[in-house]
């Protein structure tokens, strides 16, 4: 069973380890950030994984190189 399916089945966020609604795969700056609840995505990532009105950040806004840049 995948981490996502397990988290949804038990209703526990793997990031904060508390029962939370809305557990899903989250993406920050278009890159997979992990399986977590909306609250963790907002708290842990600068672009809040797109949950704020301004949406998800663009990788060109990052201060560090994007993982695909040099490939």
N, C-alpha and C. Protein backbone atom coordinates (compact mmCIF):
# COMPACT_ATOMS: atom_id res chain seq x y z
N UNK A 1 0.85 -1.18 0.00
CA UNK A 1 0.00 0.00 0.00
C UNK A 1 0.89 1.24 0.00
N UNK A 2 0.57 2.22 -0.82
CA UNK A 2 1.38 3.43 -0.91
C UNK A 2 1.17 4.32 0.31
N UNK A 3 2.11 5.22 0.52
CA UNK A 3 2.02 6.16 1.64
C UNK A 3 0.75 6.99 1.55
N UNK A 4 0.41 7.44 0.36
CA UNK A 4 -0.81 8.23 0.17
C UNK A 4 -2.05 7.44 0.56
N UNK A 5 -2.18 6.22 0.04
CA UNK A 5 -3.36 5.41 0.36
C UNK A 5 -3.43 5.09 1.85
N UNK A 6 -2.30 4.80 2.45
CA UNK A 6 -2.27 4.51 3.88
C UNK A 6 -2.67 5.73 4.71
N UNK A 7 -2.16 6.91 4.35
CA UNK A 7 -2.50 8.13 5.08
C UNK A 7 -3.98 8.46 4.95
N UNK A 8 -4.52 8.29 3.75
CA UNK A 8 -5.95 8.55 3.54
C UNK A 8 -6.79 7.54 4.30
N UNK A 9 -6.41 6.28 4.26
CA UNK A 9 -7.18 5.23 4.94
C UNK A 9 -7.25 5.48 6.45
N UNK A 10 -6.13 5.82 7.04
CA UNK A 10 -6.09 6.03 8.49
C UNK A 10 -6.40 7.47 8.89
N UNK A 11 -6.35 8.41 7.94
CA UNK A 11 -6.66 9.81 8.22
C UNK A 11 -5.61 10.52 9.05
N UNK A 12 -4.37 10.02 9.02
CA UNK A 12 -3.30 10.62 9.80
C UNK A 12 -2.24 11.17 8.85
N UNK A 13 -1.91 12.44 9.00
CA UNK A 13 -0.89 13.07 8.16
C UNK A 13 0.48 12.51 8.52
N UNK A 14 1.24 12.02 7.54
CA UNK A 14 2.57 11.48 7.84
C UNK A 14 3.58 12.56 8.26
N UNK A 15 3.28 13.81 7.99
CA UNK A 15 4.20 14.89 8.34
C UNK A 15 4.04 15.33 9.80
N UNK A 16 2.82 15.66 10.21
CA UNK A 16 2.58 16.12 11.59
C UNK A 16 2.09 15.00 12.51
N UNK A 17 1.79 13.84 11.90
CA UNK A 17 1.35 12.65 12.63
C UNK A 17 0.11 12.88 13.49
N UNK A 18 -0.80 13.70 12.98
CA UNK A 18 -2.08 13.93 13.66
C UNK A 18 -3.22 13.67 12.67
N UNK A 19 -4.39 13.33 13.20
CA UNK A 19 -5.54 13.14 12.31
C UNK A 19 -5.88 14.46 11.61
N UNK A 20 -5.93 14.44 10.30
CA UNK A 20 -6.19 15.65 9.52
C UNK A 20 -7.03 15.31 8.30
N UNK A 21 -7.92 16.21 7.90
CA UNK A 21 -8.64 16.02 6.64
C UNK A 21 -7.77 16.52 5.48
N UNK A 22 -8.08 16.13 4.31
CA UNK A 22 -7.43 16.68 3.12
C UNK A 22 -5.99 16.26 2.91
N UNK A 23 -5.65 15.05 3.30
CA UNK A 23 -4.29 14.56 3.06
C UNK A 23 -4.16 14.23 1.58
N UNK A 24 -3.09 14.72 0.96
CA UNK A 24 -2.89 14.52 -0.47
C UNK A 24 -1.42 14.66 -0.83
N UNK A 25 -1.08 14.29 -2.06
CA UNK A 25 0.26 14.56 -2.56
C UNK A 25 0.34 16.06 -2.79
N UNK A 26 1.38 16.68 -2.30
CA UNK A 26 1.56 18.12 -2.42
C UNK A 26 2.75 18.42 -3.33
N UNK A 27 2.68 19.54 -4.02
CA UNK A 27 3.74 19.98 -4.93
C UNK A 27 4.09 21.43 -4.62
N UNK A 28 5.38 21.71 -4.52
CA UNK A 28 5.87 23.05 -4.25
C UNK A 28 6.75 23.48 -5.42
N UNK A 29 6.46 24.62 -6.00
CA UNK A 29 7.19 25.11 -7.17
C UNK A 29 7.19 24.06 -8.29
N UNK A 30 6.12 23.30 -8.38
CA UNK A 30 5.99 22.29 -9.42
C UNK A 30 6.75 21.01 -9.17
N UNK A 31 7.35 20.87 -8.00
CA UNK A 31 8.13 19.68 -7.66
C UNK A 31 7.42 18.94 -6.53
N UNK A 32 7.39 17.61 -6.63
CA UNK A 32 6.75 16.79 -5.61
C UNK A 32 7.33 17.11 -4.23
N UNK A 33 6.45 17.47 -3.28
CA UNK A 33 6.88 17.82 -1.92
C UNK A 33 6.59 16.71 -0.91
N UNK A 34 5.68 15.81 -1.24
CA UNK A 34 5.37 14.70 -0.35
C UNK A 34 3.89 14.58 -0.07
N UNK A 35 3.56 13.61 0.76
CA UNK A 35 2.19 13.37 1.18
C UNK A 35 2.01 14.05 2.53
N UNK A 36 1.04 14.96 2.61
CA UNK A 36 0.80 15.69 3.87
C UNK A 36 -0.56 16.38 3.80
N UNK A 37 -0.97 16.89 4.94
CA UNK A 37 -2.23 17.64 5.01
C UNK A 37 -1.99 19.07 4.50
N UNK A 38 -3.07 19.75 4.26
CA UNK A 38 -3.01 21.12 3.76
C UNK A 38 -2.29 22.03 4.76
N UNK A 39 -2.54 21.86 6.05
CA UNK A 39 -1.89 22.70 7.08
C UNK A 39 -0.37 22.56 7.04
N UNK A 40 0.13 21.35 6.88
CA UNK A 40 1.58 21.12 6.79
C UNK A 40 2.15 21.74 5.52
N UNK A 41 1.43 21.60 4.41
CA UNK A 41 1.89 22.17 3.14
C UNK A 41 2.01 23.68 3.25
N UNK A 42 1.06 24.32 3.89
CA UNK A 42 1.08 25.77 4.06
C UNK A 42 2.21 26.18 4.99
N UNK A 43 2.39 25.45 6.07
CA UNK A 43 3.39 25.80 7.09
C UNK A 43 4.82 25.51 6.63
N UNK A 44 5.04 24.46 5.87
CA UNK A 44 6.40 24.01 5.57
C UNK A 44 7.01 24.55 4.28
N UNK A 45 6.19 25.08 3.36
CA UNK A 45 6.72 25.48 2.07
C UNK A 45 6.42 26.95 1.77
N UNK A 46 7.41 27.65 1.21
CA UNK A 46 7.27 29.09 0.93
C UNK A 46 6.06 29.42 0.08
N UNK A 47 5.75 28.58 -0.89
CA UNK A 47 4.61 28.84 -1.77
C UNK A 47 3.33 28.15 -1.28
N UNK A 48 3.38 27.57 -0.08
CA UNK A 48 2.24 26.89 0.54
C UNK A 48 1.66 25.81 -0.38
N UNK A 49 2.47 25.29 -1.27
CA UNK A 49 2.05 24.25 -2.22
C UNK A 49 0.81 24.67 -3.02
N UNK A 50 0.68 25.97 -3.24
CA UNK A 50 -0.42 26.49 -4.05
C UNK A 50 -1.73 26.68 -3.32
N UNK A 51 -1.73 26.57 -1.99
CA UNK A 51 -2.98 26.70 -1.23
C UNK A 51 -3.34 28.15 -0.91
N UNK A 52 -2.47 29.09 -1.19
CA UNK A 52 -2.79 30.51 -0.98
C UNK A 52 -3.39 31.07 -2.28
N UNK A 53 -4.07 32.22 -2.19
CA UNK A 53 -4.70 32.80 -3.39
C UNK A 53 -3.72 33.06 -4.53
N UNK A 54 -2.46 33.36 -4.24
CA UNK A 54 -1.51 33.64 -5.32
C UNK A 54 -1.04 32.38 -6.05
N UNK A 55 -1.43 31.21 -5.54
CA UNK A 55 -1.13 29.96 -6.22
C UNK A 55 0.28 29.44 -5.93
N UNK A 56 0.64 28.43 -6.66
CA UNK A 56 1.94 27.79 -6.49
C UNK A 56 3.04 28.66 -7.08
N UNK A 57 4.20 28.64 -6.47
CA UNK A 57 5.33 29.42 -6.96
C UNK A 57 5.89 28.88 -8.26
N UNK A 58 6.64 29.71 -8.93
CA UNK A 58 7.31 29.33 -10.17
C UNK A 58 8.76 29.01 -9.82
N UNK A 59 9.29 27.91 -10.33
CA UNK A 59 10.64 27.49 -9.97
C UNK A 59 11.67 28.56 -10.31
N UNK A 60 11.37 29.46 -11.23
CA UNK A 60 12.32 30.53 -11.58
C UNK A 60 12.46 31.56 -10.48
N UNK A 61 11.54 31.54 -9.49
CA UNK A 61 11.59 32.46 -8.36
C UNK A 61 12.50 31.96 -7.24
N UNK A 62 12.94 30.73 -7.33
CA UNK A 62 13.75 30.15 -6.26
C UNK A 62 15.14 30.78 -6.19
N UNK A 63 15.68 30.88 -4.97
CA UNK A 63 17.03 31.40 -4.77
C UNK A 63 18.09 30.34 -5.05
N UNK A 64 17.70 29.09 -5.05
CA UNK A 64 18.63 27.99 -5.30
C UNK A 64 18.31 27.34 -6.63
N UNK A 65 19.25 26.62 -7.22
CA UNK A 65 18.99 26.01 -8.53
C UNK A 65 17.86 24.98 -8.46
N UNK A 66 17.06 25.00 -9.47
CA UNK A 66 15.99 24.01 -9.62
C UNK A 66 16.62 22.68 -9.95
N UNK A 67 16.07 21.59 -9.45
CA UNK A 67 16.71 20.28 -9.59
C UNK A 67 16.94 19.84 -11.03
N UNK A 68 16.17 20.35 -11.97
CA UNK A 68 16.36 19.94 -13.37
C UNK A 68 17.28 20.88 -14.13
N UNK A 69 17.68 22.00 -13.52
CA UNK A 69 18.50 22.99 -14.22
C UNK A 69 19.81 22.39 -14.65
N UNK A 70 20.59 22.10 -14.99
CA UNK A 70 21.85 21.54 -15.32
C UNK A 70 21.77 20.16 -15.93
N UNK A 71 20.61 19.60 -16.06
CA UNK A 71 20.50 18.26 -16.66
C UNK A 71 20.49 18.34 -18.16
